[in-house]
Protein backbone atom coordinates (compact mmCIF):
# COMPACT_ATOMS: atom_id res chain seq x y z
CA UNK A 1 7.23 17.48 11.81
CA UNK A 2 4.80 17.20 8.69
CA UNK A 3 2.05 15.23 8.61
CA UNK A 4 1.54 11.64 10.12
CA UNK A 5 1.38 8.20 8.74
CA UNK A 6 -1.99 6.86 10.23
CA UNK A 7 -2.12 3.20 10.75
CA UNK A 8 -5.97 1.47 11.35
CA UNK A 9 -5.85 -0.71 13.62
CA UNK A 10 -9.00 -3.23 13.52
CA UNK A 11 -7.05 -5.62 16.35
CA UNK A 12 -6.10 -8.77 13.58
CA UNK A 13 -2.45 -9.86 13.75
CA UNK A 14 -1.89 -7.89 9.96
CA UNK A 15 -3.25 -4.40 11.20
CA UNK A 16 -0.46 -4.70 14.10
CA UNK A 17 1.97 -5.81 11.17
CA UNK A 18 1.24 -2.71 9.37
CA UNK A 19 1.61 -0.70 12.55
CA UNK A 20 5.49 -2.02 12.62
CA UNK A 21 5.92 -1.87 9.33
CA UNK A 22 4.49 1.94 9.62
CA UNK A 23 6.41 2.80 13.00
CA UNK A 24 10.09 1.37 11.44
CA UNK A 25 9.05 4.01 7.82
CA UNK A 26 8.01 6.74 10.10
CA UNK A 27 10.92 7.01 11.74
CA UNK A 28 13.35 6.54 8.33
CA UNK A 29 11.33 9.08 6.87
CA UNK A 30 11.34 11.55 9.52
CA UNK A 31 7.88 11.49 10.36
CA UNK A 32 5.71 10.90 13.35
CA UNK A 33 2.64 7.89 13.94
CA UNK A 34 -1.06 7.70 14.61
CA UNK A 35 -2.42 4.98 15.48
CA UNK A 36 -6.28 5.13 15.49
CA UNK A 37 -9.09 2.24 16.39
CA UNK A 38 -12.34 2.49 14.82
CA UNK A 39 -15.53 1.30 17.13
CA UNK A 40 -18.62 1.07 15.68
CA UNK A 41 -20.60 3.74 17.49
CA UNK A 42 -24.12 4.45 18.18
CA UNK A 43 -26.39 5.03 15.07
CA UNK A 44 -26.64 8.52 14.06
CA UNK A 45 -23.30 9.01 15.79
CA UNK A 46 -20.62 11.65 14.28
CA UNK A 47 -17.84 9.78 12.15
CA UNK A 48 -14.99 10.10 13.59
CA UNK A 49 -15.91 10.93 17.11
CA UNK A 50 -14.20 10.06 20.20
CA UNK A 51 -15.91 8.17 22.78
CA UNK A 52 -16.51 9.58 25.91
CA UNK A 53 -14.49 8.08 28.39
CA UNK A 54 -12.04 6.20 26.14
CA UNK A 55 -10.37 9.46 23.98
CA UNK A 56 -8.06 9.97 26.86
CA UNK A 57 -6.76 6.42 28.35
CA UNK A 58 -6.24 5.86 24.06
CA UNK A 59 -3.79 8.89 23.48
CA UNK A 60 -1.43 8.21 26.87
CA UNK A 61 -1.33 4.37 27.98
CA UNK A 62 -0.44 4.18 31.71
CA UNK A 63 0.89 1.88 33.46
CA UNK A 64 0.69 -1.95 32.45
CA UNK A 65 -0.54 -2.45 28.99
CA UNK A 66 -4.10 -4.61 28.69
CA UNK A 67 -3.25 -8.12 28.11
CA UNK A 68 -3.12 -9.14 24.18
CA UNK A 69 -5.79 -11.03 22.60
CA UNK A 70 -5.94 -15.04 22.97
CA UNK A 71 -3.49 -16.59 20.16
CA UNK A 72 -5.53 -17.24 16.96
CA UNK A 73 -8.43 -14.72 17.68
CA UNK A 74 -8.99 -11.59 16.56
CA UNK A 75 -9.40 -8.79 19.40
CA UNK A 76 -11.19 -5.52 19.43
CA UNK A 77 -8.99 -2.82 17.47
CA UNK A 78 -9.60 -0.42 21.22
CA UNK A 79 -8.43 -3.26 23.21
CA UNK A 80 -4.97 -3.53 21.49
CA UNK A 81 -4.25 -0.68 20.64
CA UNK A 82 -2.65 0.17 24.55
CA UNK A 83 -0.41 -2.85 23.49
CA UNK A 84 0.62 -2.13 20.41
CA UNK A 85 1.34 1.51 21.40
CA UNK A 86 3.25 0.55 24.07
CA UNK A 87 5.57 -1.84 22.00
CA UNK A 88 5.94 0.79 19.48
CA UNK A 89 7.33 3.01 21.58
CA UNK A 90 9.36 0.91 23.36
CA UNK A 91 11.00 -0.21 19.97
CA UNK A 92 11.51 3.49 18.30
CA UNK A 93 11.85 5.78 21.29
CA UNK A 94 12.37 8.89 19.37
CA UNK A 95 9.27 8.14 17.14
CA UNK A 96 6.30 10.54 17.81
CA UNK A 97 3.38 8.44 18.56
CA UNK A 98 -0.18 9.32 19.53
CA UNK A 99 -3.06 7.35 19.57
CA UNK A 100 -7.08 7.81 18.91
CA UNK A 101 -10.12 5.55 19.55
CA UNK A 102 -12.87 7.09 17.07
CA UNK A 103 -16.34 5.99 16.50
CA UNK A 104 -18.28 5.57 13.11
CA UNK A 105 -18.03 3.45 10.15
CA UNK A 106 -14.54 2.27 9.61
CA UNK A 107 -14.22 2.91 6.11
CA UNK A 108 -15.65 6.60 6.15
CA UNK A 109 -13.64 7.73 9.25
CA UNK A 110 -10.71 6.27 7.53
CA UNK A 111 -11.08 8.04 4.72
CA UNK A 112 -11.81 10.95 6.32
CA UNK A 113 -8.45 11.09 8.32
CA UNK A 114 -6.67 10.28 4.82
CA UNK A 115 -7.56 13.89 3.96
CA UNK A 116 -4.96 14.92 7.05
CA UNK A 117 -2.26 12.16 6.73
CA UNK A 118 0.88 12.13 4.95
CA UNK A 119 0.26 8.29 4.35
CA UNK A 120 -2.40 5.64 5.74
CA UNK A 121 -1.09 2.37 6.69
CA UNK A 122 -3.76 -0.52 6.88
CA UNK A 123 -3.19 -4.48 7.21
CA UNK A 124 -4.00 -6.90 4.73
CA UNK A 125 -4.39 -10.90 4.37
CA UNK A 126 -4.97 -10.77 0.54
CA UNK A 127 -7.37 -12.96 -1.28
CA UNK A 128 -10.02 -14.61 0.79
CA UNK A 129 -9.53 -12.22 4.16
CA UNK A 130 -12.23 -12.81 6.22
CA UNK A 131 -11.20 -10.82 9.16
CA UNK A 132 -9.30 -7.27 8.80
CA UNK A 133 -9.60 -4.34 6.97
CA UNK A 134 -9.18 -6.05 3.30
CA UNK A 135 -12.75 -7.04 2.92
CA UNK A 136 -15.08 -5.37 0.32
CA UNK A 137 -17.24 -3.16 3.27
CA UNK A 138 -13.98 -1.48 4.64
CA UNK A 139 -10.77 -1.82 2.71
CA UNK A 140 -12.13 -1.48 -1.19
CA UNK A 141 -13.96 1.85 -0.28
CA UNK A 142 -11.05 3.47 1.52
CA UNK A 143 -8.50 2.72 -1.42
CA UNK A 144 -11.23 3.81 -3.74
CA UNK A 145 -11.71 7.29 -1.74
CA UNK A 146 -8.38 7.97 -0.12
CA UNK A 147 -6.82 11.43 -0.23
CA UNK A 148 -3.32 10.45 0.34
CA UNK A 149 -1.28 7.45 -0.54
CA UNK A 150 -2.21 4.21 0.95
CA UNK A 151 -0.50 1.19 1.91
CA UNK A 152 -1.53 -2.57 2.28
CA UNK A 153 0.63 -4.56 4.56
CA UNK A 154 0.90 -8.29 5.23
CA UNK A 155 1.92 -10.01 7.82
CA UNK A 156 5.33 -11.20 7.32
CA UNK A 157 4.88 -14.56 8.53
CA UNK A 158 1.78 -15.86 6.17
CA UNK A 159 3.60 -13.88 3.07
CA UNK A 160 6.65 -16.55 3.75
CA UNK A 161 4.78 -19.21 3.97
CA UNK A 162 2.25 -18.14 0.68
CA UNK A 163 6.06 -17.44 -0.77
CA UNK A 164 7.10 -21.25 -0.68
CA UNK A 165 4.00 -22.76 -2.39
CA UNK A 166 4.60 -20.19 -4.92
CA UNK A 167 5.53 -20.96 -8.59
CA UNK A 168 6.14 -19.67 -12.03
CA UNK A 169 8.90 -18.03 -13.69
CA UNK A 170 11.36 -16.52 -11.02
CA UNK A 171 11.43 -12.89 -9.98
CA UNK A 172 15.08 -12.37 -10.96
CA UNK A 173 13.65 -11.89 -14.93
CA UNK A 174 12.48 -8.66 -13.64
CA UNK A 175 14.49 -7.54 -10.79
CA UNK A 176 18.06 -5.79 -11.96
CA UNK A 177 19.03 -5.16 -8.27
CA UNK A 178 19.35 -7.93 -5.93
CA UNK A 179 19.17 -6.07 -2.91
CA UNK A 180 15.47 -5.08 -1.43
CA UNK A 181 14.01 -2.28 -3.88
CA UNK A 182 10.76 -0.38 -4.51
CA UNK A 183 9.29 -1.41 -7.68
CA UNK A 184 6.71 1.14 -9.47
CA UNK A 185 4.03 -0.12 -11.98
CA UNK A 186 3.70 2.58 -14.42
CA UNK A 187 0.83 2.79 -17.06
CA UNK A 188 2.09 4.74 -20.04
CA UNK A 189 -0.81 5.55 -21.89
CA UNK A 190 -2.21 7.19 -18.44
CA UNK A 191 0.86 8.46 -17.20
CA UNK A 192 0.75 9.45 -13.53
CA UNK A 193 3.14 12.08 -12.03
CA UNK A 194 2.08 11.62 -8.65
CA UNK A 195 3.13 8.18 -8.82
CA UNK A 196 6.35 8.33 -10.41
CA UNK A 197 7.26 10.67 -7.71
CA UNK A 198 6.01 9.00 -4.19
CA UNK A 199 8.33 6.24 -5.91
CA UNK A 200 11.23 8.17 -6.30
CA UNK A 201 10.82 9.83 -2.72
CA UNK A 202 10.19 6.43 -1.36
CA UNK A 203 13.50 4.83 -2.48
CA UNK A 204 15.15 8.09 -1.53
CA UNK A 205 14.75 7.66 2.13
CA UNK A 206 15.31 4.09 2.23
CA UNK A 207 18.61 4.60 -0.23
CA UNK A 208 17.15 1.68 -2.41
CA UNK A 209 17.10 1.19 -6.04
CA UNK A 210 14.18 1.39 -7.90
CA UNK A 211 12.79 -0.54 -11.00
CA UNK A 212 9.96 0.79 -12.70
CA UNK A 213 7.61 -1.54 -15.30
CA UNK A 214 5.34 -1.04 -17.47
CA UNK A 215 3.80 -4.76 -18.12
CA UNK A 216 1.51 -5.03 -21.87
CA UNK A 217 -0.06 -8.31 -22.53
CA UNK A 218 -1.93 -7.99 -26.32
CA UNK A 219 -5.12 -9.60 -26.71
CA UNK A 220 -5.23 -12.80 -29.20
CA UNK A 221 -5.87 -10.44 -32.26
CA UNK A 222 -5.20 -6.73 -32.62
CA UNK A 223 -6.53 -4.20 -34.53
CA UNK A 224 -8.90 -3.16 -36.50
CA UNK A 225 -8.75 -6.35 -38.31
CA UNK A 226 -9.14 -9.86 -36.68
CA UNK A 227 -5.76 -11.05 -37.27
CA UNK A 228 -2.77 -12.24 -34.95
CA UNK A 229 -0.88 -9.71 -33.96
CA UNK A 230 3.17 -10.73 -35.93
CA UNK A 231 5.81 -10.66 -33.62
CA UNK A 232 7.70 -8.00 -35.17
CA UNK A 233 4.33 -5.56 -34.97
CA UNK A 234 4.34 -7.15 -30.87
CA UNK A 235 8.42 -5.79 -30.72
CA UNK A 236 7.33 -2.47 -32.64
CA UNK A 237 4.47 -2.24 -29.88
CA UNK A 238 6.60 -3.02 -26.84
CA UNK A 239 9.23 -0.50 -28.43
CA UNK A 240 7.07 2.17 -28.90
CA UNK A 241 6.00 1.50 -24.80
CA UNK A 242 9.52 1.50 -23.65
CA UNK A 243 10.48 4.81 -25.01
CA UNK A 244 7.09 6.29 -23.65
CA UNK A 245 8.33 5.01 -20.03
CA UNK A 246 11.58 6.10 -20.75
CA UNK A 247 10.48 9.82 -21.49
CA UNK A 248 7.89 9.69 -18.16
CA UNK A 249 10.70 8.82 -16.28
CA UNK A 250 14.20 10.98 -17.40
CA UNK A 251 12.71 13.89 -15.46
CA UNK A 252 12.17 12.07 -12.22
CA UNK A 253 15.39 10.35 -12.16
CA UNK A 254 16.85 14.07 -12.95
CA UNK A 255 15.41 15.00 -10.01
CA UNK A 256 16.88 12.50 -7.59
CA UNK A 257 19.73 11.64 -8.96
CA UNK A 258 20.85 9.52 -5.95
CA UNK A 259 18.16 6.83 -6.85
CA UNK A 260 19.40 3.92 -9.04
CA UNK A 261 16.60 3.48 -11.54
CA UNK A 262 16.02 0.61 -14.56
CA UNK A 263 12.66 1.27 -16.08
CA UNK A 264 11.15 -1.33 -18.69
CA UNK A 265 8.43 -2.60 -20.57
CA UNK A 266 8.05 -5.78 -20.40
CA UNK A 267 5.17 -8.16 -22.31
CA UNK A 268 3.58 -9.79 -19.69
CA UNK A 269 -0.15 -8.93 -17.94
CA UNK A 270 0.86 -6.05 -15.99
CA UNK A 271 -0.76 -7.36 -12.21
CA UNK A 272 1.37 -10.92 -12.74
CA UNK A 273 4.27 -8.64 -13.66
CA UNK A 274 4.57 -7.16 -10.36
CA UNK A 275 4.04 -9.39 -8.54
CA UNK A 276 6.62 -10.99 -9.23
CA UNK A 277 8.65 -8.53 -9.57
CA UNK A 278 8.01 -7.17 -5.97
CA UNK A 279 8.20 -10.70 -4.36
CA UNK A 280 10.96 -9.18 -2.39
CA UNK A 281 10.97 -5.77 -2.71
CA UNK A 282 10.45 -3.02 -0.24
CA UNK A 283 7.60 -1.66 -1.60
CA UNK A 284 5.55 -2.24 -4.57
CA UNK A 285 3.57 1.28 -6.02
CA UNK A 286 0.69 1.35 -8.07
CA UNK A 287 -2.15 3.97 -9.36
CA UNK A 288 -5.40 4.31 -8.95
CA UNK A 289 -7.36 7.41 -10.71
CA UNK A 290 -9.25 9.80 -8.24
CA UNK A 291 -12.73 9.75 -9.18
CA UNK A 292 -15.81 11.98 -7.92
CA UNK A 293 -18.37 9.31 -8.15
CA UNK A 294 -19.15 8.00 -4.01
CA UNK A 295 -20.58 4.92 -5.14
CA UNK A 296 -18.00 2.07 -6.66
CA UNK A 297 -14.30 1.20 -5.87
CA UNK A 298 -13.10 2.21 -9.55
CA UNK A 299 -9.74 0.79 -8.46
CA UNK A 300 -8.96 -0.87 -11.78
CA UNK A 301 -7.85 -3.76 -12.33
CA UNK A 302 -3.82 -3.85 -12.18
CA UNK A 303 -3.96 -2.25 -8.55
CA UNK A 304 -7.04 -4.68 -7.60
CA UNK A 305 -4.76 -8.08 -8.54
CA UNK A 306 -2.06 -6.74 -6.72
CA UNK A 307 -3.39 -5.76 -3.38
CA UNK A 308 -4.68 -8.97 -3.35
CA UNK A 309 -1.45 -11.39 -4.43
CA UNK A 310 1.65 -9.39 -3.57
CA UNK A 311 3.39 -10.22 -0.82
CA UNK A 312 5.11 -7.00 -0.28
CA UNK A 313 3.75 -3.89 1.20
CA UNK A 314 1.31 -2.51 -1.65
CA UNK A 315 1.37 1.44 -1.65
CA UNK A 316 -2.04 2.80 -4.21
CA UNK A 317 -1.34 6.48 -4.97
CA UNK A 318 -4.48 8.48 -5.91
CA UNK A 319 -3.77 10.35 -9.25
CA UNK A 320 -5.83 12.99 -11.11
């Protein structure tokens, strides 16, 4: 058994949904699951330290699980940890599950844990979140500095309500497969092998098709002279990018022959394209360039856009 999926619980319905998603995926991917609740420790406490008297209780809950939080409220993460772990053990008896309660700043603790994890999973409410990990002070720094792929998962009940209100062109125009698959956004100007490797491996583990998309939206004027870009020039640029995309995908398609892959360059704003294409996807995969700077988020506009607006789970893969 390799490194585990690590889930950050914050007491919200979204983090519970993330734990459920991680448990099902970890079992399918033959991995293990680690549930972590982070408590803000006393000033000067070491990040990631297990508070005395709580670590052992969190690792092996015995007897009746603690009461669930009141409906509509957000409980403390350490309070819901025994309940969530008991539910997941019942649903996935063959899945190795461990639990921990750690002290420290949530963003720092989760980033540190990503160094030993196969996948870091957090809950997400998307744009306008008030509670949960998708808040600037926690989720954005973790996304920006995580050392392993990170997946943001929404509560399905919320995403279904959002989907019912969604308008615009149907996602089918960029989706070649009727069954839920994996969608990956790829920038041919900054090709990332890590992103394609993760996307192909995920599709293979699920037995799902993979759609790799490159979106491009030209500015109102293009080139050295302030002239509109002609339709023929648009087709030429898009054709060049489609060729670069095919060139990047082909070696991975040969390495994963069991994965049905469709790679396309589309004339559309990338974040909008990916959000629509992944409306019914198992997973949306995007990249994030790894940076040495400790300050700032450095996530990029496309990744920032889809992690706030996509209804599917979003995997952010760091790459050089």
